[in-house]
Structure formats: C-alpha cells, structure tokens
Amino acid sequence: MRRCERVETDRLILRRPVSEDAEALFGRYANDREVTRYLSWPRHTSVEDTRQFIAFSDREWECRPAGPYLVESKESGLLLGSTGLAFESSQRASTGYVLAKDAWGKGYATEALRTVVEIGRAAGLVRLYAICHSENAASARVLEKCGFQREGLLRRHFEFPNLDGGVHDVLHYGFVYEMLR
C-alpha cells in the first residue's frame, strides 16, 4: 500500500514529522505540563526527547503505510499538534491526538481525527481504537463526534506518566470499519 505522508483537509495539513520539526514540536506542546497531562507519553524535558520521538516516528513510517502525523494550520503553517496511527497489526491500530493550548476549542482535534479515521480506512484497517482518561471529557466528546463507540470503562488500567504515578481508569473507544462485500 502506498504511504500517505501528507493529507490536506479544509483547514489542516497532516504530515509526517521530519528532523527539522524538533524545535517547533518541543516549543509548541511537547514540553507543556498542561497539554501533556493526559497523554500516554512522558512530557519532553529537552529537545533531545523530541528528536527521539522523530526517530521513533521514522521507524514506524519505514514499515507501515502511516504513522505519527504533525497537524499544521493550512492557512498559516503554524504547528498545532500531532495525531496518527500506531499499528498493532495490518488490521488493527490505536490513535490519539494532542494540540497546543492555543489550538484548543476550535474543532481542530475533530477535523484531524476524522482524517486519521479515513487514513485508517485507506490503509485497510478493520479496527481503530483509542483510550482516554476517565476525567478527560473533551477527548471523549471528540472521539464520539468522530464515530467512535464507547466500549467500556477499564478500571485502574493505565499509568499516565505526567500525572501522579498512579494507575488510572480509562474510557475505551472503538471504531470498526464496515467491510465491503
């Protein structure tokens, strides 16, 4: 399958990260305590952490039709956040998203996630899923707006590295692609 390294929507560009993005990614959101609070990865404390993420991204892109994406404003080129697909098999992947604080509440997360759902469809996924902290109502709303179904509450399921070190409850959401017959 052809890799989908760049996708444009009405307002956004989703594209594969490159090494030159490290400083902007770090400065816009990867080191922000509030932004990274409910994320599955540790807040970056140096640009080197961000460079390691980009190296990880490169490895994902080497063996999959998609991977991590940066989200940019189509109008201004400003880096807004990131999203993407984390493949577990050729038919199943997880997703998530993060936006800089000044991009919150503008519909960017919904627009980006709907695009990721379509990238997953083009990649031949059967199932896409996401988890979110049980107190992260904004992310739950975005997932539901994008067609994900809440499949349950997983009690004491995930240790969020940027919280208190405890194991937290998460909401589990799934998106199952309709199979063409």
N, C-alpha and C. Protein backbone atom coordinates (compact mmCIF):
# COMPACT_ATOMS: atom_id res chain seq x y z
N MET A 1 0.84 -1.19 0.00
CA MET A 1 0.00 0.00 0.00
C MET A 1 0.89 1.25 0.00
N ARG A 2 0.47 2.23 -0.75
CA ARG A 2 1.19 3.49 -0.84
C ARG A 2 1.10 4.25 0.48
N ARG A 3 2.21 4.79 0.90
CA ARG A 3 2.22 5.58 2.13
C ARG A 3 1.51 6.91 1.91
N CYS A 4 0.81 7.32 2.95
CA CYS A 4 0.05 8.56 2.91
C CYS A 4 0.74 9.55 3.86
N GLU A 5 1.82 10.20 3.37
CA GLU A 5 2.66 11.01 4.24
C GLU A 5 2.17 12.44 4.42
N ARG A 6 1.22 12.86 3.59
CA ARG A 6 0.69 14.22 3.69
C ARG A 6 -0.77 14.20 3.25
N VAL A 7 -1.63 14.79 4.08
CA VAL A 7 -3.05 14.86 3.78
C VAL A 7 -3.52 16.28 4.12
N GLU A 8 -4.34 16.84 3.25
CA GLU A 8 -4.90 18.16 3.50
C GLU A 8 -6.40 18.06 3.72
N THR A 9 -6.89 18.85 4.67
CA THR A 9 -8.32 18.99 4.92
C THR A 9 -8.69 20.44 4.61
N ASP A 10 -9.88 20.85 4.96
CA ASP A 10 -10.28 22.24 4.72
C ASP A 10 -9.34 23.23 5.41
N ARG A 11 -8.96 22.92 6.66
CA ARG A 11 -8.16 23.87 7.44
C ARG A 11 -6.79 23.36 7.85
N LEU A 12 -6.54 22.08 7.66
CA LEU A 12 -5.34 21.47 8.22
C LEU A 12 -4.49 20.76 7.19
N ILE A 13 -3.22 20.60 7.55
CA ILE A 13 -2.31 19.71 6.85
C ILE A 13 -1.81 18.71 7.90
N LEU A 14 -1.97 17.43 7.60
CA LEU A 14 -1.40 16.37 8.41
C LEU A 14 -0.22 15.83 7.62
N ARG A 15 0.95 15.79 8.26
CA ARG A 15 2.14 15.35 7.53
C ARG A 15 3.10 14.61 8.44
N ARG A 16 3.91 13.80 7.82
CA ARG A 16 4.94 13.04 8.53
C ARG A 16 5.94 14.01 9.16
N PRO A 17 6.31 13.78 10.42
CA PRO A 17 7.34 14.63 11.04
C PRO A 17 8.71 14.42 10.40
N VAL A 18 9.51 15.47 10.38
CA VAL A 18 10.89 15.39 9.91
C VAL A 18 11.80 16.01 10.98
N SER A 19 13.08 15.74 10.88
CA SER A 19 14.01 16.15 11.94
C SER A 19 13.99 17.66 12.18
N GLU A 20 13.72 18.45 11.15
CA GLU A 20 13.69 19.91 11.30
C GLU A 20 12.51 20.39 12.15
N ASP A 21 11.58 19.52 12.47
CA ASP A 21 10.41 19.89 13.28
C ASP A 21 10.68 19.86 14.79
N ALA A 22 11.81 19.36 15.21
CA ALA A 22 12.04 19.10 16.64
C ALA A 22 11.85 20.34 17.52
N GLU A 23 12.44 21.45 17.16
CA GLU A 23 12.35 22.65 18.00
C GLU A 23 10.91 23.15 18.11
N ALA A 24 10.20 23.19 16.99
CA ALA A 24 8.81 23.68 17.00
C ALA A 24 7.91 22.74 17.80
N LEU A 25 8.07 21.46 17.59
CA LEU A 25 7.26 20.48 18.31
C LEU A 25 7.49 20.60 19.83
N PHE A 26 8.75 20.69 20.21
CA PHE A 26 9.08 20.84 21.63
C PHE A 26 8.48 22.13 22.19
N GLY A 27 8.67 23.23 21.49
CA GLY A 27 8.21 24.52 21.99
C GLY A 27 6.71 24.72 21.98
N ARG A 28 6.02 24.12 21.03
CA ARG A 28 4.57 24.33 20.91
C ARG A 28 3.77 23.51 21.92
N TYR A 29 4.15 22.24 22.16
CA TYR A 29 3.31 21.44 23.04
C TYR A 29 3.99 20.29 23.77
N ALA A 30 5.06 19.74 23.27
CA ALA A 30 5.62 18.52 23.85
C ALA A 30 6.19 18.71 25.25
N ASN A 31 6.53 19.95 25.62
CA ASN A 31 7.07 20.20 26.97
C ASN A 31 6.07 20.92 27.87
N ASP A 32 4.85 21.10 27.42
CA ASP A 32 3.84 21.82 28.18
C ASP A 32 3.15 20.88 29.18
N ARG A 33 3.25 21.20 30.47
CA ARG A 33 2.68 20.34 31.52
C ARG A 33 1.18 20.16 31.39
N GLU A 34 0.47 21.24 31.09
CA GLU A 34 -0.98 21.14 30.98
C GLU A 34 -1.41 20.35 29.75
N VAL A 35 -0.76 20.60 28.64
CA VAL A 35 -1.10 19.92 27.39
C VAL A 35 -0.84 18.42 27.49
N THR A 36 0.25 18.04 28.14
CA THR A 36 0.65 16.63 28.17
C THR A 36 0.06 15.87 29.36
N ARG A 37 -0.74 16.50 30.15
CA ARG A 37 -1.27 15.91 31.38
C ARG A 37 -1.86 14.51 31.17
N TYR A 38 -2.75 14.36 30.19
CA TYR A 38 -3.46 13.10 29.98
C TYR A 38 -2.88 12.25 28.85
N LEU A 39 -1.65 12.51 28.46
CA LEU A 39 -1.06 11.76 27.35
C LEU A 39 -0.40 10.47 27.83
N SER A 40 -0.23 9.55 26.89
CA SER A 40 0.37 8.26 27.22
C SER A 40 1.89 8.31 27.21
N TRP A 41 2.47 9.38 26.71
CA TRP A 41 3.93 9.50 26.67
C TRP A 41 4.40 10.62 27.61
N PRO A 42 5.60 10.47 28.15
CA PRO A 42 6.11 11.47 29.09
C PRO A 42 6.35 12.82 28.42
N ARG A 43 6.06 13.87 29.16
CA ARG A 43 6.35 15.24 28.70
C ARG A 43 7.83 15.33 28.35
N HIS A 44 8.13 15.98 27.25
CA HIS A 44 9.52 16.15 26.83
C HIS A 44 10.17 17.22 27.70
N THR A 45 11.34 16.91 28.22
CA THR A 45 12.06 17.87 29.05
C THR A 45 13.24 18.50 28.32
N SER A 46 13.49 18.04 27.11
CA SER A 46 14.56 18.61 26.28
C SER A 46 14.22 18.37 24.82
N VAL A 47 14.86 19.13 23.94
CA VAL A 47 14.66 18.93 22.51
C VAL A 47 15.18 17.55 22.11
N GLU A 48 16.12 17.01 22.85
CA GLU A 48 16.61 15.66 22.56
C GLU A 48 15.48 14.63 22.69
N ASP A 49 14.60 14.79 23.68
CA ASP A 49 13.43 13.91 23.80
C ASP A 49 12.59 13.98 22.53
N THR A 50 12.43 15.18 22.00
CA THR A 50 11.63 15.37 20.79
C THR A 50 12.33 14.74 19.59
N ARG A 51 13.64 14.84 19.53
CA ARG A 51 14.39 14.19 18.44
C ARG A 51 14.22 12.67 18.51
N GLN A 52 14.17 12.14 19.73
CA GLN A 52 13.95 10.70 19.87
C GLN A 52 12.56 10.30 19.38
N PHE A 53 11.55 11.15 19.63
CA PHE A 53 10.22 10.89 19.08
C PHE A 53 10.26 10.87 17.56
N ILE A 54 10.95 11.80 16.95
CA ILE A 54 11.02 11.84 15.49
C ILE A 54 11.74 10.61 14.95
N ALA A 55 12.77 10.14 15.64
CA ALA A 55 13.44 8.90 15.24
C ALA A 55 12.49 7.71 15.35
N PHE A 56 11.70 7.66 16.42
CA PHE A 56 10.67 6.63 16.58
C PHE A 56 9.68 6.71 15.42
N SER A 57 9.25 7.93 15.10
CA SER A 57 8.31 8.14 14.01
C SER A 57 8.89 7.60 12.69
N ASP A 58 10.15 7.88 12.43
CA ASP A 58 10.79 7.38 11.21
C ASP A 58 10.75 5.86 11.14
N ARG A 59 11.00 5.20 12.27
CA ARG A 59 10.96 3.73 12.30
C ARG A 59 9.56 3.21 12.01
N GLU A 60 8.54 3.88 12.54
CA GLU A 60 7.16 3.48 12.27
C GLU A 60 6.83 3.64 10.78
N TRP A 61 7.25 4.75 10.20
CA TRP A 61 6.96 5.01 8.80
C TRP A 61 7.71 4.07 7.86
N GLU A 62 8.83 3.50 8.31
CA GLU A 62 9.59 2.58 7.46
C GLU A 62 8.83 1.29 7.19
N CYS A 63 7.98 0.88 8.14
CA CYS A 63 7.35 -0.44 8.00
C CYS A 63 5.83 -0.40 7.92
N ARG A 64 5.23 0.77 7.91
CA ARG A 64 3.76 0.88 7.88
C ARG A 64 3.32 1.89 6.83
N PRO A 65 2.05 1.81 6.42
CA PRO A 65 1.56 2.78 5.43
C PRO A 65 1.27 4.15 6.03
N ALA A 66 1.29 4.26 7.35
CA ALA A 66 1.08 5.54 8.05
C ALA A 66 1.71 5.43 9.42
N GLY A 67 1.79 6.56 10.11
CA GLY A 67 2.39 6.59 11.44
C GLY A 67 2.01 7.89 12.11
N PRO A 68 2.90 8.45 12.91
CA PRO A 68 2.62 9.74 13.53
C PRO A 68 2.54 10.85 12.47
N TYR A 69 1.63 11.79 12.71
CA TYR A 69 1.46 12.96 11.86
C TYR A 69 1.56 14.22 12.70
N LEU A 70 2.15 15.26 12.14
CA LEU A 70 2.03 16.59 12.72
C LEU A 70 0.80 17.24 12.10
N VAL A 71 0.16 18.09 12.88
CA VAL A 71 -1.02 18.81 12.42
C VAL A 71 -0.65 20.29 12.33
N GLU A 72 -0.82 20.85 11.14
CA GLU A 72 -0.49 22.26 10.91
C GLU A 72 -1.71 23.00 10.39
N SER A 73 -1.74 24.30 10.64
CA SER A 73 -2.75 25.17 10.05
C SER A 73 -2.44 25.31 8.56
N LYS A 74 -3.43 25.04 7.74
CA LYS A 74 -3.24 25.18 6.30
C LYS A 74 -3.02 26.65 5.93
N GLU A 75 -3.69 27.55 6.64
CA GLU A 75 -3.62 28.98 6.34
C GLU A 75 -2.28 29.59 6.74
N SER A 76 -1.82 29.30 7.97
CA SER A 76 -0.63 29.97 8.49
C SER A 76 0.63 29.11 8.51
N GLY A 77 0.47 27.78 8.42
CA GLY A 77 1.61 26.88 8.55
C GLY A 77 2.02 26.62 9.99
N LEU A 78 1.31 27.21 10.95
CA LEU A 78 1.63 27.04 12.36
C LEU A 78 1.41 25.60 12.80
N LEU A 79 2.37 25.04 13.51
CA LEU A 79 2.23 23.71 14.08
C LEU A 79 1.18 23.76 15.18
N LEU A 80 0.14 22.95 15.06
CA LEU A 80 -0.95 22.92 16.03
C LEU A 80 -0.86 21.75 16.98
N GLY A 81 -0.33 20.61 16.53
CA GLY A 81 -0.28 19.42 17.37
C GLY A 81 0.14 18.20 16.58
N SER A 82 -0.30 17.04 17.07
CA SER A 82 0.01 15.80 16.37
C SER A 82 -1.08 14.77 16.61
N THR A 83 -1.07 13.77 15.75
CA THR A 83 -2.02 12.66 15.81
C THR A 83 -1.37 11.50 15.07
N GLY A 84 -2.14 10.51 14.69
CA GLY A 84 -1.58 9.44 13.88
C GLY A 84 -2.14 8.08 14.19
N LEU A 85 -1.48 7.09 13.63
CA LEU A 85 -1.86 5.69 13.80
C LEU A 85 -0.68 4.92 14.39
N ALA A 86 -0.97 4.08 15.37
CA ALA A 86 0.02 3.16 15.92
C ALA A 86 -0.47 1.75 15.60
N PHE A 87 0.12 1.14 14.58
CA PHE A 87 -0.32 -0.18 14.12
C PHE A 87 0.09 -1.26 15.11
N GLU A 88 -0.85 -2.14 15.41
CA GLU A 88 -0.56 -3.35 16.19
C GLU A 88 -0.51 -4.57 15.28
N SER A 89 -1.20 -4.48 14.16
CA SER A 89 -1.17 -5.49 13.10
C SER A 89 -1.59 -4.77 11.83
N SER A 90 -1.69 -5.49 10.73
CA SER A 90 -2.09 -4.84 9.48
C SER A 90 -3.56 -4.43 9.51
N GLN A 91 -4.33 -4.95 10.47
CA GLN A 91 -5.76 -4.66 10.52
C GLN A 91 -6.22 -3.90 11.76
N ARG A 92 -5.31 -3.67 12.71
CA ARG A 92 -5.71 -3.01 13.97
C ARG A 92 -4.66 -1.97 14.36
N ALA A 93 -5.17 -0.80 14.79
CA ALA A 93 -4.28 0.28 15.22
C ALA A 93 -4.97 1.08 16.31
N SER A 94 -4.16 1.82 17.04
CA SER A 94 -4.70 2.78 18.01
C SER A 94 -4.38 4.18 17.51
N THR A 95 -5.09 5.14 18.09
CA THR A 95 -4.88 6.53 17.70
C THR A 95 -4.99 7.43 18.92
N GLY A 96 -4.61 8.65 18.75
CA GLY A 96 -4.72 9.68 19.78
C GLY A 96 -4.37 11.00 19.14
N TYR A 97 -4.36 12.04 19.92
CA TYR A 97 -4.06 13.37 19.39
C TYR A 97 -3.68 14.28 20.54
N VAL A 98 -2.96 15.32 20.19
CA VAL A 98 -2.57 16.35 21.15
C VAL A 98 -2.50 17.67 20.39
N LEU A 99 -2.99 18.72 21.02
CA LEU A 99 -2.94 20.05 20.41
C LEU A 99 -2.34 21.05 21.40
N ALA A 100 -1.61 22.02 20.86
CA ALA A 100 -1.13 23.13 21.68
C ALA A 100 -2.33 23.86 22.28
N LYS A 101 -2.14 24.47 23.45
CA LYS A 101 -3.25 25.13 24.15
C LYS A 101 -3.98 26.16 23.29
N ASP A 102 -3.25 26.93 22.50
CA ASP A 102 -3.92 27.96 21.71
C ASP A 102 -4.73 27.38 20.55
N ALA A 103 -4.67 26.07 20.35
CA ALA A 103 -5.46 25.41 19.31
C ALA A 103 -6.68 24.69 19.88
N TRP A 104 -6.84 24.72 21.21
CA TRP A 104 -7.97 24.04 21.84
C TRP A 104 -9.29 24.75 21.52
N GLY A 105 -10.35 23.98 21.43
CA GLY A 105 -11.70 24.53 21.30
C GLY A 105 -12.03 25.10 19.93
N LYS A 106 -11.27 24.75 18.91
CA LYS A 106 -11.50 25.31 17.58
C LYS A 106 -11.91 24.24 16.56
N GLY A 107 -12.14 23.02 17.04
CA GLY A 107 -12.54 21.94 16.14
C GLY A 107 -11.41 21.25 15.42
N TYR A 108 -10.17 21.62 15.71
CA TYR A 108 -9.03 21.00 15.03
C TYR A 108 -8.88 19.52 15.37
N ALA A 109 -9.10 19.15 16.62
CA ALA A 109 -8.96 17.75 17.01
C ALA A 109 -9.96 16.88 16.25
N THR A 110 -11.19 17.35 16.16
CA THR A 110 -12.21 16.59 15.43
C THR A 110 -11.85 16.47 13.95
N GLU A 111 -11.43 17.56 13.35
CA GLU A 111 -11.05 17.54 11.93
C GLU A 111 -9.86 16.61 11.69
N ALA A 112 -8.87 16.67 12.56
CA ALA A 112 -7.69 15.82 12.41
C ALA A 112 -8.05 14.35 12.62
N LEU A 113 -8.84 14.05 13.66
CA LEU A 113 -9.17 12.66 13.94
C LEU A 113 -10.05 12.06 12.84
N ARG A 114 -10.98 12.82 12.31
CA ARG A 114 -11.79 12.31 11.18
C ARG A 114 -10.88 11.94 10.01
N THR A 115 -9.85 12.73 9.80
CA THR A 115 -8.90 12.45 8.73
C THR A 115 -8.11 11.18 9.03
N VAL A 116 -7.71 10.99 10.27
CA VAL A 116 -6.99 9.77 10.65
C VAL A 116 -7.87 8.54 10.45
N VAL A 117 -9.16 8.66 10.76
CA VAL A 117 -10.09 7.55 10.52
C VAL A 117 -10.08 7.18 9.04
N GLU A 118 -10.09 8.18 8.16
CA GLU A 118 -10.08 7.90 6.73
C GLU A 118 -8.74 7.33 6.26
N ILE A 119 -7.65 7.79 6.86
CA ILE A 119 -6.34 7.21 6.53
C ILE A 119 -6.33 5.73 6.93
N GLY A 120 -6.91 5.44 8.09
CA GLY A 120 -7.02 4.04 8.53
C GLY A 120 -7.83 3.20 7.57
N ARG A 121 -8.93 3.77 7.07
CA ARG A 121 -9.75 3.05 6.09
C ARG A 121 -8.92 2.74 4.85
N ALA A 122 -8.20 3.74 4.34
CA ALA A 122 -7.38 3.56 3.14
C ALA A 122 -6.26 2.55 3.37
N ALA A 123 -5.80 2.45 4.61
CA ALA A 123 -4.72 1.51 4.95
C ALA A 123 -5.23 0.09 5.15
N GLY A 124 -6.55 -0.09 5.09
CA GLY A 124 -7.11 -1.43 5.23
C GLY A 124 -7.39 -1.88 6.65
N LEU A 125 -7.47 -0.92 7.57
CA LEU A 125 -7.77 -1.32 8.95
C LEU A 125 -9.18 -1.88 9.06
N VAL A 126 -9.33 -2.79 10.00
CA VAL A 126 -10.64 -3.32 10.36
C VAL A 126 -11.11 -2.64 11.64
N ARG A 127 -10.15 -2.33 12.53
CA ARG A 127 -10.49 -1.75 13.82
C ARG A 127 -9.48 -0.68 14.20
N LEU A 128 -10.00 0.43 14.70
CA LEU A 128 -9.19 1.52 15.23
C LEU A 128 -9.72 1.80 16.63
N TYR A 129 -8.84 2.02 17.58
CA TYR A 129 -9.32 2.29 18.94
C TYR A 129 -8.50 3.38 19.60
N ALA A 130 -9.06 3.90 20.69
CA ALA A 130 -8.38 4.92 21.48
C ALA A 130 -8.83 4.78 22.92
N ILE A 131 -7.96 5.19 23.82
CA ILE A 131 -8.34 5.29 25.23
C ILE A 131 -8.18 6.74 25.65
N CYS A 132 -8.94 7.14 26.65
CA CYS A 132 -8.72 8.46 27.24
C CYS A 132 -9.00 8.37 28.74
N HIS A 133 -8.33 9.21 29.48
CA HIS A 133 -8.51 9.26 30.92
C HIS A 133 -9.99 9.49 31.20
N SER A 134 -10.50 8.84 32.23
CA SER A 134 -11.94 8.91 32.52
C SER A 134 -12.40 10.32 32.85
N GLU A 135 -11.50 11.23 33.22
CA GLU A 135 -11.87 12.61 33.52
C GLU A 135 -11.65 13.57 32.34
N ASN A 136 -11.19 13.03 31.22
CA ASN A 136 -10.91 13.88 30.06
C ASN A 136 -12.14 13.95 29.15
N ALA A 137 -13.13 14.72 29.60
CA ALA A 137 -14.41 14.82 28.89
C ALA A 137 -14.25 15.40 27.49
N ALA A 138 -13.33 16.33 27.30
CA ALA A 138 -13.15 16.94 25.97
C ALA A 138 -12.71 15.89 24.95
N SER A 139 -11.77 15.03 25.32
CA SER A 139 -11.32 13.99 24.39
C SER A 139 -12.42 12.97 24.13
N ALA A 140 -13.17 12.64 25.15
CA ALA A 140 -14.29 11.70 24.96
C ALA A 140 -15.28 12.26 23.94
N ARG A 141 -15.59 13.55 24.03
CA ARG A 141 -16.51 14.18 23.08
C ARG A 141 -15.96 14.13 21.66
N VAL A 142 -14.68 14.40 21.49
CA VAL A 142 -14.07 14.36 20.16
C VAL A 142 -14.19 12.95 19.58
N LEU A 143 -13.86 11.95 20.36
CA LEU A 143 -13.95 10.57 19.87
C LEU A 143 -15.37 10.23 19.45
N GLU A 144 -16.34 10.62 20.24
CA GLU A 144 -17.73 10.32 19.91
C GLU A 144 -18.18 11.07 18.66
N LYS A 145 -17.76 12.33 18.50
CA LYS A 145 -18.11 13.10 17.30
C LYS A 145 -17.53 12.45 16.04
N CYS A 146 -16.44 11.73 16.20
CA CYS A 146 -15.77 11.10 15.06
C CYS A 146 -16.25 9.68 14.80
N GLY A 147 -17.29 9.25 15.48
CA GLY A 147 -17.88 7.94 15.21
C GLY A 147 -17.36 6.80 16.06
N PHE A 148 -16.50 7.08 17.03
CA PHE A 148 -16.02 6.03 17.92
C PHE A 148 -17.13 5.69 18.92
N GLN A 149 -17.25 4.42 19.23
CA GLN A 149 -18.24 3.95 20.20
C GLN A 149 -17.55 3.67 21.52
N ARG A 150 -18.14 4.15 22.59
CA ARG A 150 -17.59 3.84 23.91
C ARG A 150 -17.84 2.37 24.20
N GLU A 151 -16.77 1.64 24.42
CA GLU A 151 -16.86 0.19 24.64
C GLU A 151 -16.75 -0.18 26.11
N GLY A 152 -16.37 0.78 26.93
CA GLY A 152 -16.34 0.47 28.34
C GLY A 152 -15.38 1.33 29.13
N LEU A 153 -15.45 1.12 30.43
CA LEU A 153 -14.54 1.75 31.39
C LEU A 153 -13.58 0.67 31.86
N LEU A 154 -12.31 0.91 31.67
CA LEU A 154 -11.29 -0.03 32.14
C LEU A 154 -10.74 0.52 33.44
N ARG A 155 -11.06 -0.16 34.52
CA ARG A 155 -10.70 0.29 35.86
C ARG A 155 -9.21 0.07 36.12
N ARG A 156 -8.57 1.11 36.68
CA ARG A 156 -7.15 1.04 37.06
C ARG A 156 -6.33 0.36 35.96
N HIS A 157 -6.42 0.95 34.78
CA HIS A 157 -5.87 0.31 33.58
C HIS A 157 -4.55 0.90 33.09
N PHE A 158 -4.33 2.21 33.30
CA PHE A 158 -3.21 2.85 32.63
C PHE A 158 -2.50 3.83 33.56
N GLU A 159 -1.19 3.80 33.51
CA GLU A 159 -0.39 4.75 34.28
C GLU A 159 0.00 5.90 33.36
N PHE A 160 -0.62 7.04 33.57
CA PHE A 160 -0.32 8.23 32.77
C PHE A 160 0.97 8.85 33.32
N PRO A 161 2.03 8.91 32.51
CA PRO A 161 3.34 9.32 33.02
C PRO A 161 3.42 10.76 33.51
N ASN A 162 2.46 11.60 33.13
CA ASN A 162 2.52 13.01 33.51
C ASN A 162 1.56 13.35 34.65
N LEU A 163 0.95 12.34 35.23
CA LEU A 163 0.07 12.55 36.38
C LEU A 163 0.81 12.15 37.65
N ASP A 164 0.12 11.59 38.58
CA ASP A 164 0.65 11.33 39.92
C ASP A 164 1.39 10.01 40.09
N GLY A 165 1.57 9.25 39.03
CA GLY A 165 2.25 7.98 39.14
C GLY A 165 1.31 6.82 39.46
N GLY A 166 0.04 7.10 39.72
CA GLY A 166 -0.92 6.03 39.99
C GLY A 166 -1.46 5.43 38.71
N VAL A 167 -2.21 4.35 38.88
CA VAL A 167 -2.87 3.70 37.75
C VAL A 167 -4.30 4.21 37.71
N HIS A 168 -4.73 4.66 36.53
CA HIS A 168 -5.99 5.38 36.40
C HIS A 168 -7.00 4.62 35.55
N ASP A 169 -8.27 4.97 35.75
CA ASP A 169 -9.35 4.46 34.92
C ASP A 169 -9.30 5.14 33.56
N VAL A 170 -9.64 4.38 32.51
CA VAL A 170 -9.72 4.95 31.17
C VAL A 170 -11.02 4.54 30.51
N LEU A 171 -11.47 5.40 29.62
CA LEU A 171 -12.58 5.07 28.74
C LEU A 171 -11.98 4.45 27.48
N HIS A 172 -12.56 3.35 27.04
CA HIS A 172 -12.08 2.65 25.85
C HIS A 172 -13.08 2.87 24.73
N TYR A 173 -12.57 3.38 23.59
CA TYR A 173 -13.41 3.67 22.43
C TYR A 173 -12.93 2.86 21.24
N GLY A 174 -13.87 2.39 20.43
CA GLY A 174 -13.52 1.64 19.23
C GLY A 174 -14.25 2.16 18.01
N PHE A 175 -13.60 2.01 16.88
CA PHE A 175 -14.18 2.33 15.58
C PHE A 175 -13.95 1.10 14.72
N VAL A 176 -15.04 0.47 14.27
CA VAL A 176 -14.94 -0.72 13.42
C VAL A 176 -15.37 -0.32 12.02
N TYR A 177 -14.48 -0.55 11.07
CA TYR A 177 -14.75 -0.20 9.68
C TYR A 177 -15.72 -1.20 9.08
N GLU A 178 -16.65 -0.71 8.31
CA GLU A 178 -17.58 -1.57 7.56
C GLU A 178 -16.80 -2.28 6.48
N MET A 179 -17.01 -3.55 6.39
CA MET A 179 -16.32 -4.34 5.36
C MET A 179 -17.12 -4.27 4.06
N LEU A 180 -16.44 -4.06 2.95
CA LEU A 180 -17.11 -4.08 1.66
C LEU A 180 -17.37 -5.52 1.28
N ARG A 181 -18.54 -5.78 0.80
CA ARG A 181 -18.91 -7.18 0.44
C ARG A 181 -18.89 -7.35 -1.05
